Amino acid sequence: MASSFLYFVAAIALLQSSSVTADGYFARTCLDIKLLNRNINKNGHYVIHTDKNEAFTVYCDFNSEPPYVWTLVESFSRDM
């Protein structure tokens, strides 16, 4: 239990560090994350912030349609 919690905390810290600049600017989209760190090109979950600096996790797609970057905020499926 403790090792999985530490892994989770480390993963969140990594995600947050890629979305904040040294002067405190918070990324609001996946494009902001890409512009903050040009070396990021791995699709995955990242933390972005609202205009009120509330953080939430989104899925960023950097590769499906270069040079465009997609920010997925919500996804669901219906079992019919």
C-alpha atoms as a PDB file:
ATOM      1  CA  MET A   1       0.000   0.000   0.000  1.00  0.00           C
ATOM      2  CA  ALA A   2       2.681   2.529   0.962  1.00  0.00           C
ATOM      3  CA  SER A   3       4.790   1.923  -2.157  1.00  0.00           C
ATOM      4  CA  SER A   4       1.815   2.452  -4.489  1.00  0.00           C
ATOM      5  CA  PHE A   5       0.956   5.680  -2.648  1.00  0.00           C
ATOM      6  CA  LEU A   6       4.520   6.976  -3.032  1.00  0.00           C
ATOM      7  CA  TYR A   7       4.447   6.116  -6.731  1.00  0.00           C
ATOM      8  CA  PHE A   8       1.178   8.049  -7.102  1.00  0.00           C
ATOM      9  CA  VAL A   9       2.593  11.086  -5.289  1.00  0.00           C
ATOM     10  CA  ALA A  10       5.738  11.018  -7.437  1.00  0.00           C
ATOM     11  CA  ALA A  11       3.666  10.779 -10.628  1.00  0.00           C
ATOM     12  CA  ILE A  12       1.536  13.772  -9.602  1.00  0.00           C
ATOM     13  CA  ALA A  13       4.667  15.781  -8.772  1.00  0.00           C
ATOM     14  CA  LEU A  14       6.097  15.001 -12.212  1.00  0.00           C
ATOM     15  CA  LEU A  15       2.872  16.022 -13.943  1.00  0.00           C
ATOM     16  CA  GLN A  16       2.636  19.264 -12.010  1.00  0.00           C
ATOM     17  CA  SER A  17       6.275  20.203 -12.590  1.00  0.00           C
ATOM     18  CA  SER A  18       5.735  20.104 -16.362  1.00  0.00           C
ATOM     19  CA  SER A  19       2.845  22.578 -16.180  1.00  0.00           C
ATOM     20  CA  VAL A  20       4.306  25.397 -14.039  1.00  0.00           C
ATOM     21  CA  THR A  21       7.055  27.851 -14.930  1.00  0.00           C
ATOM     22  CA  ALA A  22       9.656  29.208 -12.539  1.00  0.00           C
ATOM     23  CA  ASP A  23       7.758  32.512 -12.330  1.00  0.00           C
ATOM     24  CA  GLY A  24       4.553  30.739 -11.319  1.00  0.00           C
ATOM     25  CA  TYR A  25       2.667  30.656 -14.632  1.00  0.00           C
ATOM     26  CA  PHE A  26       0.263  27.686 -14.705  1.00  0.00           C
ATOM     27  CA  ALA A  27      -0.476  25.887 -17.960  1.00  0.00           C
ATOM     28  CA  ARG A  28      -4.124  26.149 -18.958  1.00  0.00           C
ATOM     29  CA  THR A  29      -4.012  23.775 -21.967  1.00  0.00           C
ATOM     30  CA  CYS A  30      -1.863  20.977 -23.329  1.00  0.00           C
ATOM     31  CA  LEU A  31      -0.467  23.451 -25.843  1.00  0.00           C
ATOM     32  CA  ASP A  32       0.771  25.560 -22.917  1.00  0.00           C
ATOM     33  CA  ILE A  33       2.503  22.462 -21.526  1.00  0.00           C
ATOM     34  CA  LYS A  34       4.165  21.858 -24.901  1.00  0.00           C
ATOM     35  CA  LEU A  35       5.270  25.477 -25.146  1.00  0.00           C
ATOM     36  CA  LEU A  36       6.671  25.374 -21.598  1.00  0.00           C
ATOM     37  CA  ASN A  37       8.731  22.271 -22.379  1.00  0.00           C
ATOM     38  CA  ARG A  38       9.405  21.532 -26.056  1.00  0.00           C
ATOM     39  CA  ASN A  39      10.879  18.118 -25.113  1.00  0.00           C
ATOM     40  CA  ILE A  40       7.481  16.809 -23.994  1.00  0.00           C
ATOM     41  CA  ASN A  41       5.932  14.754 -26.762  1.00  0.00           C
ATOM     42  CA  LYS A  42       4.569  11.728 -24.927  1.00  0.00           C
ATOM     43  CA  ASN A  43       0.788  11.450 -24.890  1.00  0.00           C
ATOM     44  CA  GLY A  44      -0.609  11.008 -21.413  1.00  0.00           C
ATOM     45  CA  HIS A  45      -2.174  12.585 -18.347  1.00  0.00           C
ATOM     46  CA  TYR A  46      -1.012  16.047 -17.337  1.00  0.00           C
ATOM     47  CA  VAL A  47      -2.185  18.678 -14.858  1.00  0.00           C
ATOM     48  CA  ILE A  48      -3.563  21.977 -16.151  1.00  0.00           C
ATOM     49  CA  HIS A  49      -5.180  24.857 -14.269  1.00  0.00           C
ATOM     50  CA  THR A  50      -8.307  26.964 -14.608  1.00  0.00           C
ATOM     51  CA  ASP A  51      -8.148  30.745 -14.640  1.00  0.00           C
ATOM     52  CA  LYS A  52      -8.732  30.511 -10.867  1.00  0.00           C
ATOM     53  CA  ASN A  53      -5.646  28.234 -10.572  1.00  0.00           C
ATOM     54  CA  GLU A  54      -7.688  25.137  -9.729  1.00  0.00           C
ATOM     55  CA  ALA A  55      -5.738  22.089 -10.895  1.00  0.00           C
ATOM     56  CA  PHE A  56      -7.207  19.107 -12.709  1.00  0.00           C
ATOM     57  CA  THR A  57      -5.905  16.231 -14.783  1.00  0.00           C
ATOM     58  CA  VAL A  58      -6.480  15.999 -18.539  1.00  0.00           C
ATOM     59  CA  TYR A  59      -5.229  13.745 -21.313  1.00  0.00           C
ATOM     60  CA  CYS A  60      -2.820  15.457 -23.726  1.00  0.00           C
ATOM     61  CA  ASP A  61      -2.338  14.150 -27.262  1.00  0.00           C
ATOM     62  CA  PHE A  62       0.834  15.549 -28.801  1.00  0.00           C
ATOM     63  CA  ASN A  63       1.238  13.066 -31.656  1.00  0.00           C
ATOM     64  CA  SER A  64      -1.950  12.235 -33.566  1.00  0.00           C
ATOM     65  CA  GLU A  65      -2.040  15.409 -35.709  1.00  0.00           C
ATOM     66  CA  PRO A  66       1.293  17.279 -35.634  1.00  0.00           C
ATOM     67  CA  PRO A  67       1.770  20.195 -35.169  1.00  0.00           C
ATOM     68  CA  TYR A  68      -1.575  20.373 -33.336  1.00  0.00           C
ATOM     69  CA  VAL A  69      -1.983  19.504 -29.655  1.00  0.00           C
ATOM     70  CA  TRP A  70      -5.247  18.127 -28.269  1.00  0.00           C
ATOM     71  CA  THR A  71      -6.563  18.550 -24.721  1.00  0.00           C
ATOM     72  CA  LEU A  72      -9.099  15.910 -23.686  1.00  0.00           C
ATOM     73  CA  VAL A  73     -11.068  17.119 -20.685  1.00  0.00           C
ATOM     74  CA  GLU A  74     -13.790  14.483 -20.467  1.00  0.00           C
ATOM     75  CA  SER A  75     -14.498  11.095 -21.956  1.00  0.00           C
ATOM     76  CA  PHE A  76     -17.231   8.552 -21.375  1.00  0.00           C
ATOM     77  CA  SER A  77     -18.981   5.637 -23.006  1.00  0.00           C
ATOM     78  CA  ARG A  78     -22.520   4.349 -22.851  1.00  0.00           C
ATOM     79  CA  ASP A  79     -23.301   0.683 -22.577  1.00  0.00           C
ATOM     80  CA  MET A  80     -26.426   0.155 -24.643  1.00  0.00           C
END
